[in-house]
């Protein structure tokens, strides 16, 4: 394949199209020997010979070894909105921090914090938006807020490291857990559910009706089951109607008054 590309590059386009398949194979074979020996020129019109040190560069270009590297687009993180001067969660309520040196403040701030410490601060910020009371730490709304911050962090990690299967599994487990909590809130307290989705920026989508892959066999089987179900319903309705008619006719016979004059005298 590489020799064919090299032969195309050596010859003129018209010469390559005119040649037959056998001639092209012969050309590639001769070119292979010439590259190894370093004795054949590029073309009949050129006098530049293929030197032993130059054919490796040509093969690299033909085989597309030297490709242009494209940098990945950097996706914005959901932790970028945190101010770098904010203190870590463990040192927020410590009064001695204000009296310390600037270097110590930088060490205790989010500027020198790890991703895990920033995530803890982000969780608390999202939980404060939907918290019922200042002492609320375990309600459904707070759990959803913390799971939302965790899911967004795992999504960013999966974009940068797509082959990390453990991270993908943890992300799917967190999404499933949050889905269950949102479903419970939607069924019990819809106003709180709407507020949580609005404050956290969650777009709730209904689960699919069927989780299995749709095939022709499954569609035919489903259509047959629906047809049988409708036929059974029709038959049962007809039998029920017939039974109702029989019961109504028997009731009317019992309710018909009898004339005692027409009846004969008892023997």
C-alpha atoms as a PDB file:
ATOM      1  CA  UNK A   1       0.000   0.000   0.000  1.00  0.00           C
ATOM      2  CA  UNK A   2       2.807   2.361   0.920  1.00  0.00           C
ATOM      3  CA  UNK A   3       4.746   1.488  -2.238  1.00  0.00           C
ATOM      4  CA  UNK A   4       1.665   2.233  -4.347  1.00  0.00           C
ATOM      5  CA  UNK A   5       1.416   5.682  -2.792  1.00  0.00           C
ATOM      6  CA  UNK A   6       5.125   6.219  -3.370  1.00  0.00           C
ATOM      7  CA  UNK A   7       4.770   5.183  -7.023  1.00  0.00           C
ATOM      8  CA  UNK A   8       1.854   7.587  -7.404  1.00  0.00           C
ATOM      9  CA  UNK A   9       3.989  10.369  -5.965  1.00  0.00           C
ATOM     10  CA  UNK A  10       6.901   9.497  -8.271  1.00  0.00           C
ATOM     11  CA  UNK A  11       4.943   9.274 -11.526  1.00  0.00           C
ATOM     12  CA  UNK A  12       2.783  11.860 -13.184  1.00  0.00           C
ATOM     13  CA  UNK A  13      -0.998  11.440 -12.695  1.00  0.00           C
ATOM     14  CA  UNK A  14      -1.576  10.718 -16.400  1.00  0.00           C
ATOM     15  CA  UNK A  15       1.140   8.050 -16.480  1.00  0.00           C
ATOM     16  CA  UNK A  16      -0.329   6.295 -13.415  1.00  0.00           C
ATOM     17  CA  UNK A  17      -3.860   6.197 -14.843  1.00  0.00           C
ATOM     18  CA  UNK A  18      -2.713   4.834 -18.219  1.00  0.00           C
ATOM     19  CA  UNK A  19      -0.753   1.960 -16.666  1.00  0.00           C
ATOM     20  CA  UNK A  20      -2.457  -1.398 -16.219  1.00  0.00           C
ATOM     21  CA  UNK A  21      -2.647  -3.334 -12.975  1.00  0.00           C
ATOM     22  CA  UNK A  22       0.235  -5.593 -14.003  1.00  0.00           C
ATOM     23  CA  UNK A  23       2.379  -2.598 -14.953  1.00  0.00           C
ATOM     24  CA  UNK A  24       1.601  -0.920 -11.639  1.00  0.00           C
ATOM     25  CA  UNK A  25       2.659  -4.026  -9.699  1.00  0.00           C
ATOM     26  CA  UNK A  26       5.867  -4.240 -11.729  1.00  0.00           C
ATOM     27  CA  UNK A  27       6.503  -0.564 -11.043  1.00  0.00           C
ATOM     28  CA  UNK A  28       6.025  -1.039  -7.308  1.00  0.00           C
ATOM     29  CA  UNK A  29       8.361  -4.075  -7.299  1.00  0.00           C
ATOM     30  CA  UNK A  30      11.082  -2.233  -9.221  1.00  0.00           C
ATOM     31  CA  UNK A  31      10.646   0.771  -6.966  1.00  0.00           C
ATOM     32  CA  UNK A  32      11.077  -1.431  -3.919  1.00  0.00           C
ATOM     33  CA  UNK A  33      14.412  -2.754  -5.201  1.00  0.00           C
ATOM     34  CA  UNK A  34      15.512   0.732  -6.208  1.00  0.00           C
ATOM     35  CA  UNK A  35      14.726   2.105  -2.745  1.00  0.00           C
ATOM     36  CA  UNK A  36      16.748  -0.662  -1.137  1.00  0.00           C
ATOM     37  CA  UNK A  37      19.699  -0.233  -3.543  1.00  0.00           C
ATOM     38  CA  UNK A  38      19.391   3.531  -3.923  1.00  0.00           C
ATOM     39  CA  UNK A  39      19.957   3.542  -7.681  1.00  0.00           C
ATOM     40  CA  UNK A  40      16.616   4.516  -9.306  1.00  0.00           C
ATOM     41  CA  UNK A  41      15.613   8.163  -9.884  1.00  0.00           C
ATOM     42  CA  UNK A  42      12.210   9.634  -9.057  1.00  0.00           C
ATOM     43  CA  UNK A  43      11.178   9.822 -12.708  1.00  0.00           C
ATOM     44  CA  UNK A  44      12.677   9.660 -16.168  1.00  0.00           C
ATOM     45  CA  UNK A  45      12.661  13.452 -16.360  1.00  0.00           C
ATOM     46  CA  UNK A  46      14.580  13.895 -13.080  1.00  0.00           C
ATOM     47  CA  UNK A  47      18.217  13.189 -12.385  1.00  0.00           C
ATOM     48  CA  UNK A  48      17.887  13.076  -8.577  1.00  0.00           C
ATOM     49  CA  UNK A  49      18.715   9.604  -7.300  1.00  0.00           C
ATOM     50  CA  UNK A  50      17.185   7.936  -4.266  1.00  0.00           C
ATOM     51  CA  UNK A  51      20.027   7.883  -1.808  1.00  0.00           C
ATOM     52  CA  UNK A  52      20.004   5.298   1.029  1.00  0.00           C
ATOM     53  CA  UNK A  53      19.586   8.047   3.596  1.00  0.00           C
ATOM     54  CA  UNK A  54      16.733   9.841   1.817  1.00  0.00           C
ATOM     55  CA  UNK A  55      14.248   7.053   1.098  1.00  0.00           C
ATOM     56  CA  UNK A  56      13.292   6.746   4.781  1.00  0.00           C
ATOM     57  CA  UNK A  57      11.957  10.326   4.760  1.00  0.00           C
ATOM     58  CA  UNK A  58       9.946   9.610   1.608  1.00  0.00           C
ATOM     59  CA  UNK A  59       8.459   6.458   3.121  1.00  0.00           C
ATOM     60  CA  UNK A  60       7.529   8.343   6.262  1.00  0.00           C
ATOM     61  CA  UNK A  61       5.637  10.915   4.211  1.00  0.00           C
ATOM     62  CA  UNK A  62       3.925   8.243   2.107  1.00  0.00           C
ATOM     63  CA  UNK A  63       2.915   6.161   5.135  1.00  0.00           C
ATOM     64  CA  UNK A  64       1.644   9.270   6.946  1.00  0.00           C
ATOM     65  CA  UNK A  65       3.964   8.830   9.902  1.00  0.00           C
ATOM     66  CA  UNK A  66       4.541  12.554  10.431  1.00  0.00           C
ATOM     67  CA  UNK A  67       1.010  13.790  11.043  1.00  0.00           C
ATOM     68  CA  UNK A  68      -0.115  17.105  12.419  1.00  0.00           C
ATOM     69  CA  UNK A  69      -1.014  16.756  16.066  1.00  0.00           C
ATOM     70  CA  UNK A  70      -4.289  18.368  17.020  1.00  0.00           C
ATOM     71  CA  UNK A  71      -4.706  19.652  20.509  1.00  0.00           C
ATOM     72  CA  UNK A  72      -7.856  18.710  22.336  1.00  0.00           C
ATOM     73  CA  UNK A  73     -10.213  21.519  23.129  1.00  0.00           C
ATOM     74  CA  UNK A  74     -10.162  22.281  26.814  1.00  0.00           C
ATOM     75  CA  UNK A  75     -13.644  21.946  28.263  1.00  0.00           C
ATOM     76  CA  UNK A  76     -14.556  24.459  30.983  1.00  0.00           C
ATOM     77  CA  UNK A  77     -14.800  22.973  34.450  1.00  0.00           C
ATOM     78  CA  UNK A  78     -17.713  23.522  36.823  1.00  0.00           C
ATOM     79  CA  UNK A  79     -15.127  24.336  39.505  1.00  0.00           C
ATOM     80  CA  UNK A  80     -13.800  27.391  37.659  1.00  0.00           C
ATOM     81  CA  UNK A  81     -16.366  29.721  39.236  1.00  0.00           C
ATOM     82  CA  UNK A  82     -14.885  29.144  42.700  1.00  0.00           C
ATOM     83  CA  UNK A  83     -12.799  32.194  43.749  1.00  0.00           C
ATOM     84  CA  UNK A  84      -9.159  31.286  44.455  1.00  0.00           C
ATOM     85  CA  UNK A  85      -9.111  33.455  47.608  1.00  0.00           C
ATOM     86  CA  UNK A  86     -11.865  31.416  49.267  1.00  0.00           C
ATOM     87  CA  UNK A  87     -10.688  29.363  52.230  1.00  0.00           C
ATOM     88  CA  UNK A  88     -10.985  25.614  52.391  1.00  0.00           C
ATOM     89  CA  UNK A  89     -13.960  24.037  54.111  1.00  0.00           C
ATOM     90  CA  UNK A  90     -11.970  23.069  57.217  1.00  0.00           C
ATOM     91  CA  UNK A  91     -10.664  26.627  57.793  1.00  0.00           C
ATOM     92  CA  UNK A  92     -13.743  28.731  57.070  1.00  0.00           C
ATOM     93  CA  UNK A  93     -14.747  29.332  60.694  1.00  0.00           C
ATOM     94  CA  UNK A  94     -11.235  29.631  62.156  1.00  0.00           C
ATOM     95  CA  UNK A  95     -10.652  33.255  63.379  1.00  0.00           C
ATOM     96  CA  UNK A  96      -6.860  32.944  63.469  1.00  0.00           C
ATOM     97  CA  UNK A  97      -6.674  32.587  59.697  1.00  0.00           C
ATOM     98  CA  UNK A  98      -7.257  36.326  59.202  1.00  0.00           C
ATOM     99  CA  UNK A  99      -4.209  37.162  61.307  1.00  0.00           C
ATOM    100  CA  UNK A 100      -1.802  34.864  59.514  1.00  0.00           C
ATOM    101  CA  UNK A 101       0.693  35.689  56.781  1.00  0.00           C
ATOM    102  CA  UNK A 102      -0.283  35.940  53.095  1.00  0.00           C
ATOM    103  CA  UNK A 103       1.693  32.816  52.268  1.00  0.00           C
ATOM    104  CA  UNK A 104      -0.233  30.829  54.874  1.00  0.00           C
ATOM    105  CA  UNK A 105      -3.529  32.203  53.534  1.00  0.00           C
ATOM    106  CA  UNK A 106      -2.598  31.055  50.057  1.00  0.00           C
ATOM    107  CA  UNK A 107      -1.840  27.589  51.397  1.00  0.00           C
ATOM    108  CA  UNK A 108      -5.212  27.456  53.163  1.00  0.00           C
ATOM    109  CA  UNK A 109      -7.171  28.888  50.229  1.00  0.00           C
ATOM    110  CA  UNK A 110      -8.550  27.177  47.135  1.00  0.00           C
ATOM    111  CA  UNK A 111      -5.629  28.483  45.071  1.00  0.00           C
ATOM    112  CA  UNK A 112      -3.419  25.697  46.448  1.00  0.00           C
ATOM    113  CA  UNK A 113      -6.238  23.207  47.050  1.00  0.00           C
ATOM    114  CA  UNK A 114      -6.683  19.868  45.343  1.00  0.00           C
ATOM    115  CA  UNK A 115      -9.598  18.887  43.162  1.00  0.00           C
ATOM    116  CA  UNK A 116     -11.127  16.866  45.999  1.00  0.00           C
ATOM    117  CA  UNK A 117     -11.166  19.871  48.341  1.00  0.00           C
ATOM    118  CA  UNK A 118     -12.681  22.091  45.646  1.00  0.00           C
ATOM    119  CA  UNK A 119     -15.361  19.484  45.047  1.00  0.00           C
ATOM    120  CA  UNK A 120     -16.307  19.544  48.735  1.00  0.00           C
ATOM    121  CA  UNK A 121     -16.770  23.314  48.587  1.00  0.00           C
ATOM    122  CA  UNK A 122     -18.838  22.985  45.410  1.00  0.00           C
ATOM    123  CA  UNK A 123     -21.066  20.375  47.035  1.00  0.00           C
ATOM    124  CA  UNK A 124     -21.807  22.689  49.933  1.00  0.00           C
ATOM    125  CA  UNK A 125     -22.579  25.586  47.595  1.00  0.00           C
ATOM    126  CA  UNK A 126     -25.114  23.526  45.664  1.00  0.00           C
ATOM    127  CA  UNK A 127     -26.591  22.112  48.861  1.00  0.00           C
ATOM    128  CA  UNK A 128     -27.133  25.629  50.248  1.00  0.00           C
ATOM    129  CA  UNK A 129     -29.381  26.444  47.277  1.00  0.00           C
ATOM    130  CA  UNK A 130     -31.914  23.704  48.066  1.00  0.00           C
ATOM    131  CA  UNK A 131     -31.440  23.235  51.814  1.00  0.00           C
ATOM    132  CA  UNK A 132     -34.655  23.255  53.855  1.00  0.00           C
ATOM    133  CA  UNK A 133     -33.020  24.676  57.000  1.00  0.00           C
ATOM    134  CA  UNK A 134     -29.490  25.585  58.163  1.00  0.00           C
ATOM    135  CA  UNK A 135     -29.179  22.222  59.936  1.00  0.00           C
ATOM    136  CA  UNK A 136     -30.478  20.166  57.004  1.00  0.00           C
ATOM    137  CA  UNK A 137     -27.761  17.706  55.972  1.00  0.00           C
ATOM    138  CA  UNK A 138     -29.524  14.584  54.689  1.00  0.00           C
ATOM    139  CA  UNK A 139     -32.769  15.477  52.947  1.00  0.00           C
ATOM    140  CA  UNK A 140     -33.495  14.339  49.423  1.00  0.00           C
ATOM    141  CA  UNK A 141     -32.731  17.785  48.044  1.00  0.00           C
ATOM    142  CA  UNK A 142     -29.279  17.898  49.677  1.00  0.00           C
ATOM    143  CA  UNK A 143     -28.455  14.394  48.464  1.00  0.00           C
ATOM    144  CA  UNK A 144     -29.421  15.357  44.910  1.00  0.00           C
ATOM    145  CA  UNK A 145     -27.246  18.501  45.081  1.00  0.00           C
ATOM    146  CA  UNK A 146     -24.198  16.555  46.249  1.00  0.00           C
ATOM    147  CA  UNK A 147     -24.720  13.864  43.639  1.00  0.00           C
ATOM    148  CA  UNK A 148     -25.017  16.553  40.951  1.00  0.00           C
ATOM    149  CA  UNK A 149     -21.614  18.022  41.841  1.00  0.00           C
ATOM    150  CA  UNK A 150     -20.102  14.537  41.932  1.00  0.00           C
ATOM    151  CA  UNK A 151     -21.604  13.584  38.544  1.00  0.00           C
ATOM    152  CA  UNK A 152     -20.306  16.738  36.856  1.00  0.00           C
ATOM    153  CA  UNK A 153     -16.827  16.113  38.216  1.00  0.00           C
ATOM    154  CA  UNK A 154     -16.869  12.511  36.976  1.00  0.00           C
ATOM    155  CA  UNK A 155     -18.107  13.644  33.556  1.00  0.00           C
ATOM    156  CA  UNK A 156     -15.163  16.016  33.178  1.00  0.00           C
ATOM    157  CA  UNK A 157     -12.773  13.232  34.171  1.00  0.00           C
ATOM    158  CA  UNK A 158     -14.326  10.847  31.624  1.00  0.00           C
ATOM    159  CA  UNK A 159     -13.913  13.448  28.859  1.00  0.00           C
ATOM    160  CA  UNK A 160     -10.210  13.794  29.604  1.00  0.00           C
ATOM    161  CA  UNK A 161      -9.698  10.059  30.250  1.00  0.00           C
ATOM    162  CA  UNK A 162     -12.219   8.137  28.115  1.00  0.00           C
ATOM    163  CA  UNK A 163     -10.630   4.735  28.854  1.00  0.00           C
ATOM    164  CA  UNK A 164     -11.148   4.951  32.613  1.00  0.00           C
ATOM    165  CA  UNK A 165     -13.857   2.299  33.060  1.00  0.00           C
ATOM    166  CA  UNK A 166     -14.012   2.523  36.841  1.00  0.00           C
ATOM    167  CA  UNK A 167     -14.780   6.237  36.645  1.00  0.00           C
ATOM    168  CA  UNK A 168     -17.524   5.539  34.089  1.00  0.00           C
ATOM    169  CA  UNK A 169     -19.073   2.903  36.340  1.00  0.00           C
ATOM    170  CA  UNK A 170     -19.075   5.256  39.345  1.00  0.00           C
ATOM    171  CA  UNK A 171     -20.657   7.986  37.214  1.00  0.00           C
ATOM    172  CA  UNK A 172     -23.458   5.684  36.024  1.00  0.00           C
ATOM    173  CA  UNK A 173     -24.123   4.541  39.586  1.00  0.00           C
ATOM    174  CA  UNK A 174     -24.370   8.153  40.781  1.00  0.00           C
ATOM    175  CA  UNK A 175     -26.690   9.060  37.896  1.00  0.00           C
ATOM    176  CA  UNK A 176     -28.943   6.098  38.704  1.00  0.00           C
ATOM    177  CA  UNK A 177     -29.043   7.058  42.387  1.00  0.00           C
ATOM    178  CA  UNK A 178     -29.965  10.667  41.559  1.00  0.00           C
ATOM    179  CA  UNK A 179     -32.621   9.471  39.110  1.00  0.00           C
ATOM    180  CA  UNK A 180     -34.328   7.459  41.852  1.00  0.00           C
ATOM    181  CA  UNK A 181     -34.329  10.424  44.236  1.00  0.00           C
ATOM    182  CA  UNK A 182     -35.733  12.746  41.560  1.00  0.00           C
ATOM    183  CA  UNK A 183     -38.435  10.220  40.703  1.00  0.00           C
ATOM    184  CA  UNK A 184     -39.472   9.996  44.369  1.00  0.00           C
ATOM    185  CA  UNK A 185     -39.608  13.788  44.695  1.00  0.00           C
ATOM    186  CA  UNK A 186     -41.616  14.079  41.484  1.00  0.00           C
ATOM    187  CA  UNK A 187     -44.208  11.583  42.762  1.00  0.00           C
ATOM    188  CA  UNK A 188     -44.507  12.976  46.297  1.00  0.00           C
ATOM    189  CA  UNK A 189     -43.619  16.712  46.323  1.00  0.00           C
ATOM    190  CA  UNK A 190     -43.738  18.132  42.832  1.00  0.00           C
ATOM    191  CA  UNK A 191     -43.152  21.760  43.850  1.00  0.00           C
ATOM    192  CA  UNK A 192     -39.868  20.852  45.554  1.00  0.00           C
ATOM    193  CA  UNK A 193     -38.929  18.740  42.534  1.00  0.00           C
ATOM    194  CA  UNK A 194     -39.375  21.725  40.206  1.00  0.00           C
ATOM    195  CA  UNK A 195     -37.371  23.996  42.524  1.00  0.00           C
ATOM    196  CA  UNK A 196     -34.489  21.502  42.753  1.00  0.00           C
ATOM    197  CA  UNK A 197     -34.300  21.088  38.962  1.00  0.00           C
ATOM    198  CA  UNK A 198     -34.377  24.856  38.487  1.00  0.00           C
ATOM    199  CA  UNK A 199     -31.739  25.692  41.118  1.00  0.00           C
ATOM    200  CA  UNK A 200     -29.305  22.928  40.113  1.00  0.00           C
ATOM    201  CA  UNK A 201     -29.820  23.204  36.344  1.00  0.00           C
ATOM    202  CA  UNK A 202     -31.037  19.618  35.948  1.00  0.00           C
ATOM    203  CA  UNK A 203     -33.048  18.684  32.867  1.00  0.00           C
ATOM    204  CA  UNK A 204     -35.285  15.785  33.869  1.00  0.00           C
ATOM    205  CA  UNK A 205     -36.100  13.355  31.044  1.00  0.00           C
ATOM    206  CA  UNK A 206     -38.585  10.533  31.323  1.00  0.00           C
ATOM    207  CA  UNK A 207     -37.153   7.009  31.206  1.00  0.00           C
ATOM    208  CA  UNK A 208     -37.704   5.060  27.977  1.00  0.00           C
ATOM    209  CA  UNK A 209     -40.699   2.795  27.723  1.00  0.00           C
ATOM    210  CA  UNK A 210     -38.565  -0.175  26.750  1.00  0.00           C
ATOM    211  CA  UNK A 211     -34.924  -0.701  27.659  1.00  0.00           C
ATOM    212  CA  UNK A 212     -34.292  -3.570  25.248  1.00  0.00           C
ATOM    213  CA  UNK A 213     -33.027  -3.241  21.705  1.00  0.00           C
ATOM    214  CA  UNK A 214     -35.843  -3.117  19.162  1.00  0.00           C
ATOM    215  CA  UNK A 215     -35.683  -5.924  16.578  1.00  0.00           C
ATOM    216  CA  UNK A 216     -38.038  -7.137  13.872  1.00  0.00           C
ATOM    217  CA  UNK A 217     -38.787 -10.303  15.768  1.00  0.00           C
ATOM    218  CA  UNK A 218     -39.630  -8.380  18.918  1.00  0.00           C
ATOM    219  CA  UNK A 219     -41.897  -5.986  16.992  1.00  0.00           C
ATOM    220  CA  UNK A 220     -43.736  -8.886  15.312  1.00  0.00           C
ATOM    221  CA  UNK A 221     -44.155 -10.649  18.652  1.00  0.00           C
ATOM    222  CA  UNK A 222     -45.442  -7.479  20.288  1.00  0.00           C
ATOM    223  CA  UNK A 223     -47.955  -6.874  17.458  1.00  0.00           C
ATOM    224  CA  UNK A 224     -49.196 -10.475  17.755  1.00  0.00           C
ATOM    225  CA  UNK A 225     -49.602 -10.153  21.531  1.00  0.00           C
ATOM    226  CA  UNK A 226     -51.583  -6.912  21.135  1.00  0.00           C
ATOM    227  CA  UNK A 227     -53.801  -8.543  18.483  1.00  0.00           C
ATOM    228  CA  UNK A 228     -54.510 -11.547  20.707  1.00  0.00           C
ATOM    229  CA  UNK A 229     -55.193  -9.272  23.677  1.00  0.00           C
ATOM    230  CA  UNK A 230     -57.744  -7.207  21.729  1.00  0.00           C
ATOM    231  CA  UNK A 231     -59.454 -10.367  20.391  1.00  0.00           C
ATOM    232  CA  UNK A 232     -59.735 -11.827  23.892  1.00  0.00           C
ATOM    233  CA  UNK A 233     -61.210  -8.560  25.145  1.00  0.00           C
ATOM    234  CA  UNK A 234     -63.837  -8.610  22.387  1.00  0.00           C
ATOM    235  CA  UNK A 235     -64.843 -12.202  23.162  1.00  0.00           C
ATOM    236  CA  UNK A 236     -65.063 -11.566  26.879  1.00  0.00           C
ATOM    237  CA  UNK A 237     -67.130  -8.439  26.257  1.00  0.00           C
ATOM    238  CA  UNK A 238     -69.516 -10.425  24.035  1.00  0.00           C
ATOM    239  CA  UNK A 239     -69.847 -13.166  26.658  1.00  0.00           C
ATOM    240  CA  UNK A 240     -70.420 -10.578  29.358  1.00  0.00           C
ATOM    241  CA  UNK A 241     -73.091  -8.885  27.275  1.00  0.00           C
ATOM    242  CA  UNK A 242     -74.796 -12.224  26.631  1.00  0.00           C
ATOM    243  CA  UNK A 243     -74.734 -13.055  30.339  1.00  0.00           C
ATOM    244  CA  UNK A 244     -76.192  -9.655  31.181  1.00  0.00           C
ATOM    245  CA  UNK A 245     -79.003 -10.176  28.662  1.00  0.00           C
ATOM    246  CA  UNK A 246     -79.835 -13.564  30.176  1.00  0.00           C
ATOM    247  CA  UNK A 247     -79.924 -12.218  33.700  1.00  0.00           C
ATOM    248  CA  UNK A 248     -82.062  -9.225  32.678  1.00  0.00           C
ATOM    249  CA  UNK A 249     -84.569 -11.491  30.843  1.00  0.00           C
ATOM    250  CA  UNK A 250     -84.866 -13.817  33.835  1.00  0.00           C
ATOM    251  CA  UNK A 251     -85.495 -10.874  36.140  1.00  0.00           C
ATOM    252  CA  UNK A 252     -88.295  -9.521  33.881  1.00  0.00           C
ATOM    253  CA  UNK A 253     -89.984 -12.952  33.840  1.00  0.00           C
ATOM    254  CA  UNK A 254     -90.041 -13.041  37.621  1.00  0.00           C
ATOM    255  CA  UNK A 255     -91.452  -9.528  37.867  1.00  0.00           C
ATOM    256  CA  UNK A 256     -94.427 -10.113  35.458  1.00  0.00           C
ATOM    257  CA  UNK A 257     -97.726 -10.045  37.564  1.00  0.00           C
ATOM    258  CA  UNK A 258    -100.081 -13.004  37.196  1.00  0.00           C
ATOM    259  CA  UNK A 259    -103.914 -12.715  37.054  1.00  0.00           C
ATOM    260  CA  UNK A 260    -105.623 -15.009  39.590  1.00  0.00           C
ATOM    261  CA  UNK A 261    -108.849 -15.243  37.476  1.00  0.00           C
ATOM    262  CA  UNK A 262    -107.075 -16.812  34.538  1.00  0.00           C
ATOM    263  CA  UNK A 263    -105.466 -19.367  36.722  1.00  0.00           C
ATOM    264  CA  UNK A 264    -107.442 -22.582  37.253  1.00  0.00           C
ATOM    265  CA  UNK A 265    -108.856 -23.757  40.558  1.00  0.00           C
ATOM    266  CA  UNK A 266    -106.505 -25.871  42.540  1.00  0.00           C
ATOM    267  CA  UNK A 267    -107.335 -29.587  42.524  1.00  0.00           C
END
